[in-house]
Protein backbone atom coordinates (compact mmCIF):
# COMPACT_ATOMS: atom_id res chain seq x y z
CA MET A 1 87.18 103.25 86.11
CA SER A 2 85.12 106.36 86.44
CA ALA A 3 81.63 105.93 87.92
CA GLY A 4 79.13 108.74 87.53
CA TYR A 5 81.77 111.37 86.77
CA HIS A 6 80.47 114.87 87.53
CA THR A 7 77.23 113.43 88.97
CA VAL A 8 75.83 115.91 91.49
CA MET A 9 75.67 114.29 94.92
CA GLU A 10 74.53 115.03 98.44
CA ILE A 11 77.73 114.77 100.45
CA LEU A 12 78.39 114.81 104.19
CA ILE A 13 81.82 115.81 105.50
CA ALA A 14 82.52 114.50 108.99
CA GLY A 15 85.27 116.78 110.23
CA GLY A 16 84.34 119.40 107.65
CA SER A 17 85.11 122.32 109.94
CA GLY A 18 88.76 121.26 110.28
CA PHE A 19 91.86 122.21 108.31
CA VAL A 20 91.42 119.87 105.32
CA GLY A 21 87.65 119.64 105.61
CA SER A 22 87.02 123.38 105.26
CA HIS A 23 89.01 123.52 102.02
CA LEU A 24 87.35 120.34 100.75
CA THR A 25 83.95 121.93 101.36
CA THR A 26 84.91 124.84 99.09
CA GLU A 27 86.12 122.47 96.36
CA LEU A 28 83.02 120.27 96.44
CA LEU A 29 80.76 123.33 96.28
CA ALA A 30 82.73 124.52 93.24
CA ARG A 31 81.98 121.14 91.65
CA LYS A 32 78.26 121.83 92.26
CA HIS A 33 77.72 119.15 94.90
CA ALA A 34 75.31 119.68 97.80
CA VAL A 35 77.49 119.70 100.92
CA ARG A 36 76.59 119.07 104.54
CA VAL A 37 79.23 119.79 107.18
CA MET A 38 78.80 117.61 110.24
CA THR A 39 79.63 119.48 113.43
CA ARG A 40 78.76 119.50 117.12
CA HIS A 41 78.09 123.22 116.90
CA PRO A 42 76.04 124.00 113.76
CA LYS A 43 76.00 127.60 112.55
CA THR A 44 74.31 129.45 109.73
CA ARG A 45 76.61 129.46 106.68
CA THR A 46 76.82 131.79 103.72
CA ASP A 47 78.98 129.68 101.38
CA GLY A 48 76.25 127.38 100.11
CA ALA A 49 77.01 124.44 102.42
CA THR A 50 74.78 123.43 105.35
CA ASP A 51 75.89 122.70 108.90
CA VAL A 52 74.20 119.67 110.45
CA PHE A 53 74.55 118.38 113.98
CA GLY A 54 76.47 115.16 114.39
CA ASP A 55 78.98 113.61 116.75
CA VAL A 56 80.73 110.28 116.15
CA ALA A 57 80.65 109.75 119.93
CA ASP A 58 76.84 109.97 119.79
CA ARG A 59 75.71 107.30 117.35
CA SER A 60 72.08 108.39 117.55
CA SER A 61 73.04 111.72 115.98
CA LEU A 62 74.63 110.08 112.94
CA SER A 63 71.46 108.60 111.49
CA GLN A 64 69.85 112.01 110.97
CA ALA A 65 73.11 113.58 109.70
CA LEU A 66 73.47 110.81 107.09
CA ASP A 67 69.81 110.69 106.06
CA GLY A 68 69.51 111.25 102.29
CA VAL A 69 73.28 111.42 101.78
CA ASP A 70 74.91 109.77 98.73
CA ALA A 71 78.49 109.78 99.99
CA ALA A 72 80.57 110.97 102.92
CA TYR A 73 84.09 112.00 103.86
CA TYR A 74 85.52 110.90 107.17
CA LEU A 75 88.13 113.39 108.41
CA VAL A 76 87.63 112.97 112.16
CA HIS A 77 90.73 112.68 114.34
CA SER A 78 91.36 113.01 118.10
CA LEU A 79 95.09 113.71 118.05
CA ASP A 80 95.02 116.07 121.03
CA ARG A 81 93.69 113.41 123.45
CA GLY A 82 95.68 110.79 125.31
CA ASP A 83 93.03 108.16 124.60
CA PHE A 84 92.76 109.09 120.91
CA ALA A 85 93.10 105.49 119.67
CA ALA A 86 90.07 104.26 121.63
CA ILE A 87 88.01 107.36 120.79
CA ASP A 88 88.82 107.12 117.07
CA ARG A 89 88.14 103.37 117.05
CA GLU A 90 84.66 103.75 118.51
CA GLY A 91 83.90 106.74 116.29
CA ALA A 92 84.88 104.83 113.14
CA ILE A 93 82.75 101.83 114.10
CA ALA A 94 79.71 104.01 114.75
CA PHE A 95 80.12 106.06 111.57
CA GLY A 96 80.87 103.08 109.36
CA ARG A 97 77.81 101.16 110.54
CA GLU A 98 75.49 104.14 110.18
CA ALA A 99 76.90 104.88 106.71
CA ALA A 100 76.18 101.31 105.65
CA SER A 101 72.71 101.43 107.17
CA ALA A 102 71.99 104.66 105.28
CA GLY A 103 73.02 102.97 102.02
CA LEU A 104 75.86 105.33 101.15
CA GLN A 105 77.56 104.77 97.80
CA ARG A 106 80.96 105.71 99.18
CA VAL A 107 82.93 106.81 102.23
CA VAL A 108 86.26 108.51 101.52
CA TYR A 109 88.80 108.49 104.33
CA LEU A 110 92.07 110.41 104.71
CA GLY A 111 94.64 108.44 106.69
CA GLY A 112 98.41 108.25 106.99
CA LEU A 113 101.29 106.77 105.03
CA GLY A 114 103.56 104.18 106.64
CA ASP A 115 104.83 100.67 106.01
CA GLU A 116 102.64 98.13 107.79
CA ASN A 117 105.73 95.99 108.37
CA ASP A 118 107.36 98.86 110.25
CA ASP A 119 106.90 99.42 113.98
CA LEU A 120 104.32 102.14 113.44
CA SER A 121 103.70 104.78 116.09
CA PRO A 122 100.42 104.65 118.07
CA HIS A 123 99.17 107.56 115.94
CA LEU A 124 99.85 105.83 112.62
CA ARG A 125 98.56 102.49 113.92
CA SER A 126 95.34 104.22 114.89
CA ARG A 127 95.03 105.80 111.42
CA ARG A 128 95.42 102.38 109.83
CA GLU A 129 92.95 100.80 112.26
CA VAL A 130 90.31 103.43 111.45
CA GLU A 131 90.88 102.78 107.75
CA GLN A 132 90.31 99.06 108.18
CA ILE A 133 87.21 99.54 110.33
CA LEU A 134 85.59 101.82 107.76
CA MET A 135 86.42 99.40 104.95
CA ASP A 136 84.92 96.52 106.91
CA GLU A 137 81.72 98.43 107.65
CA ALA A 138 80.99 100.44 104.49
CA PRO A 139 82.17 100.88 100.84
CA THR A 140 85.27 102.95 101.61
CA THR A 141 88.12 104.46 99.61
CA ALA A 142 91.17 105.37 101.71
CA LEU A 143 93.83 107.93 100.85
CA ARG A 144 97.13 107.84 102.76
CA ALA A 145 99.20 111.01 103.12
CA GLY A 146 102.26 112.28 104.98
CA ILE A 147 102.76 115.89 106.06
CA VAL A 148 100.26 118.25 104.43
CA VAL A 149 101.88 121.55 103.45
CA GLY A 150 99.37 124.32 103.96
CA ASP A 151 98.52 127.12 106.36
CA GLY A 152 96.52 125.50 109.15
CA SER A 153 98.39 122.21 109.15
CA VAL A 154 99.76 121.55 112.65
CA SER A 155 102.86 119.80 111.31
CA TRP A 156 103.60 122.59 108.85
CA GLU A 157 103.06 125.28 111.48
CA ILE A 158 105.52 123.50 113.80
CA LEU A 159 108.19 123.63 111.08
CA CYS A 160 107.54 127.33 110.46
CA GLN A 161 107.69 128.21 114.15
CA LEU A 162 110.91 126.26 114.63
CA ILE A 163 112.50 128.23 111.79
CA GLU A 164 111.30 131.55 113.20
CA ARG A 165 112.27 130.91 116.80
CA LEU A 166 115.46 128.82 116.60
CA PRO A 167 118.19 130.08 114.24
CA VAL A 168 120.46 127.47 115.82
CA MET A 169 118.52 124.25 116.21
CA ILE A 170 119.65 121.31 118.33
CA THR A 171 117.34 118.66 116.93
CA PRO A 172 116.34 115.04 117.65
CA ARG A 173 116.97 112.12 115.31
CA TRP A 174 113.60 112.41 113.61
CA VAL A 175 114.87 115.33 111.50
CA GLN A 176 116.57 112.65 109.38
CA THR A 177 113.32 110.70 108.84
CA LYS A 178 111.88 110.76 105.34
CA THR A 179 108.34 111.88 104.60
CA GLN A 180 106.46 112.73 101.40
CA PRO A 181 105.11 116.28 101.77
CA ILE A 182 102.03 117.15 99.74
CA ALA A 183 100.34 120.49 99.12
CA LEU A 184 96.95 121.09 100.71
CA SER A 185 95.37 121.84 97.32
CA ASP A 186 96.61 118.50 95.97
CA VAL A 187 95.13 116.61 98.92
CA VAL A 188 91.80 118.34 98.33
CA THR A 189 91.89 117.53 94.60
CA TYR A 190 92.63 113.86 95.23
CA LEU A 191 89.86 113.66 97.84
CA ALA A 192 87.32 115.24 95.51
CA ASP A 193 88.40 113.15 92.51
CA SER A 194 88.21 109.91 94.54
CA LEU A 195 84.48 110.37 94.92
CA GLU A 196 84.08 110.06 91.16
CA LEU A 197 86.00 106.79 90.73
CA ASP A 198 84.77 103.23 91.17
CA VAL A 199 87.47 102.33 93.70
CA ALA A 200 85.62 101.33 96.88
CA GLY A 201 87.61 98.92 99.02
CA GLN A 202 90.96 100.27 97.82
CA HIS A 203 93.62 102.44 99.42
CA PHE A 204 95.98 104.84 97.65
CA ASP A 205 99.20 106.64 98.55
CA ILE A 206 99.25 110.36 97.81
CA GLY A 207 102.26 112.65 98.02
CA GLY A 208 104.35 115.20 96.23
CA PRO A 209 107.06 114.18 93.75
CA GLN A 210 109.85 114.34 96.37
CA ALA A 211 110.54 112.22 99.44
CA MET A 212 112.35 114.52 101.87
CA THR A 213 113.74 114.45 105.39
CA TYR A 214 112.35 116.90 107.92
CA ARG A 215 115.81 118.48 107.92
CA GLU A 216 115.60 119.10 104.16
CA MET A 217 112.16 120.67 104.56
CA LEU A 218 113.41 122.92 107.37
CA VAL A 219 116.39 124.08 105.33
CA LYS A 220 114.40 124.73 102.14
CA ALA A 221 111.58 126.53 103.97
CA ALA A 222 114.09 128.63 105.93
CA ARG A 223 115.59 129.88 102.65
CA GLN A 224 112.13 130.86 101.41
CA MET A 225 111.51 132.70 104.69
CA ASP A 226 114.91 134.46 104.37
CA ARG A 227 116.07 132.90 107.64
CA ARG A 228 119.51 131.59 108.49
CA LEU A 229 119.30 128.14 110.04
CA LEU A 230 121.93 125.90 111.62
CA ILE A 231 120.78 122.37 112.47
CA LEU A 232 122.72 120.20 114.94
CA PRO A 233 121.12 116.75 115.36
CA VAL A 234 121.43 115.15 118.82
CA PRO A 235 120.88 111.35 118.72
CA LEU A 236 120.21 111.14 122.48
CA LEU A 237 117.18 113.45 122.37
CA THR A 238 114.42 110.87 122.96
CA PRO A 239 110.84 111.16 121.64
CA THR A 240 109.60 112.04 125.14
CA LEU A 241 112.16 114.81 125.57
CA SER A 242 111.59 115.87 121.99
CA SER A 243 107.85 116.35 122.55
CA HIS A 244 108.56 118.57 125.57
CA TRP A 245 111.09 120.45 123.44
CA LEU A 246 108.45 121.09 120.77
CA ARG A 247 105.97 122.20 123.42
CA LEU A 248 108.45 124.75 124.80
CA ILE A 249 109.49 126.16 121.42
CA THR A 250 106.17 126.08 119.52
CA ASP A 251 102.50 126.72 120.27
CA VAL A 252 101.45 123.06 119.91
CA ASP A 253 99.96 121.39 123.00
CA LEU A 254 101.94 118.62 124.70
CA GLN A 255 99.63 115.72 123.76
CA THR A 256 99.59 116.69 120.08
CA ALA A 257 103.37 117.18 120.16
CA ARG A 258 103.85 113.73 121.69
CA SER A 259 101.64 112.04 119.08
CA LEU A 260 103.32 113.84 116.19
CA VAL A 261 106.86 113.18 117.43
CA ASP A 262 106.11 109.48 117.83
CA SER A 263 105.02 109.41 114.19
CA MET A 264 108.03 111.38 113.00
CA THR A 265 110.23 108.41 113.85
CA ASN A 266 108.48 106.39 111.10
CA GLU A 267 109.38 106.80 107.44
CA VAL A 268 106.22 107.74 105.57
CA VAL A 269 106.78 107.74 101.82
CA VAL A 270 104.73 107.00 98.71
CA THR A 271 105.17 103.46 97.37
CA GLU A 272 102.69 103.61 94.47
CA ARG A 273 101.06 106.24 92.23
CA ARG A 274 97.83 104.55 91.13
CA LEU A 275 95.52 107.45 92.08
CA GLU A 276 97.71 109.87 90.17
CA GLN A 277 97.34 107.65 87.12
CA LEU A 278 93.57 107.26 87.56
CA THR A 279 92.87 110.96 88.02
CA GLY A 280 95.57 112.41 85.78
CA HIS A 281 96.46 114.85 88.57
CA GLN A 282 100.10 115.24 89.57
CA ALA A 283 101.00 116.85 92.90
CA MET A 284 103.18 119.97 92.84
CA PRO A 285 106.82 120.02 94.04
CA PHE A 286 107.66 121.02 97.62
CA PHE A 287 109.01 124.44 96.64
CA GLU A 288 105.71 125.45 95.05
CA ALA A 289 103.67 123.92 97.89
CA SER A 290 105.70 125.67 100.58
CA SER A 291 105.65 128.99 98.68
CA ARG A 292 101.84 128.93 98.62
CA ALA A 293 101.62 127.88 102.26
CA LEU A 294 104.00 130.63 103.40
CA LYS A 295 102.11 133.24 101.39
CA ASP A 296 98.80 132.15 102.98
CA ARG A 297 100.40 132.12 106.42
CA GLN A 298 101.72 135.64 106.00
CA ALA A 299 98.32 136.86 104.78
CA ARG A 300 96.61 135.29 107.81
CA LYS A 301 99.06 136.92 110.23
CA MET A 302 98.57 140.30 108.55
CA ARG A 303 94.78 139.94 108.89
CA SER A 304 95.19 139.09 112.57
CA LYS A 305 97.29 142.20 113.15
CA ARG A 306 94.82 144.37 111.27
CA ASP A 307 91.85 142.97 113.19
CA ALA A 308 93.68 143.51 116.49
CA VAL A 309 94.15 147.25 115.88
CA PRO A 310 91.50 149.22 117.81
CA VAL A 311 89.23 151.40 115.70
């Protein structure tokens, strides 16, 4: 099913300055592709990629950003806004139409896992709506993931901060919800590999080998961080109260906390492994993923301390 494997392409990454996008940029450059990073604030880069101006809220800017592009990644998300669903809907429509008009071979989109027959949270419903819009407008391949384990992931950072700041944790019901954690490097590999497969119009689940509850992730990560952790679930702690609880204990803003907590009530697990079979790539176990993420997190914090010391 491979189409043009290892063909050098001109690729645009919408959302390329974000957590996943920045790592994807590095991977695509390593594969010798020409990479444009779409941003509202272009800067001169030294890594071989090129910043180009573009804003999904300004459709006129997309035509120039997409001019001469073979394929694009769509990693735009407005999680920290109360009206994120409307903003993301309009952005997807504009980008999808401009991508089709520019004659792109492929758009690759990273969305969220979740059973469509479940009562999905507004966040997950929005992710699925964006996926459908892009597929309707342009040749799109969609990847669906749960929590991404890597330094820079908001969900992962929340778990780490909870472990550090609450040795005794009175937790809401969502700690018993199952998710399918996946390492950042595995997400990046699947995204890059998807560009080289003839799978437009299809969606794929991606995740590590283990479905785990948030409680299990907290306990396992706490052991790796050499922290003692006692978890006491409280069924009456509602999503609204839970989001305020997260805001008080962690550094996440209230709107992001509310959107994430709403989604944490939905089980998000892998139901098929077709992309794994097509690419031959198997995601690493949680222990290895969390070990790498914790090592990167520690290195980042050490750099911050070093840079903060006056010379």
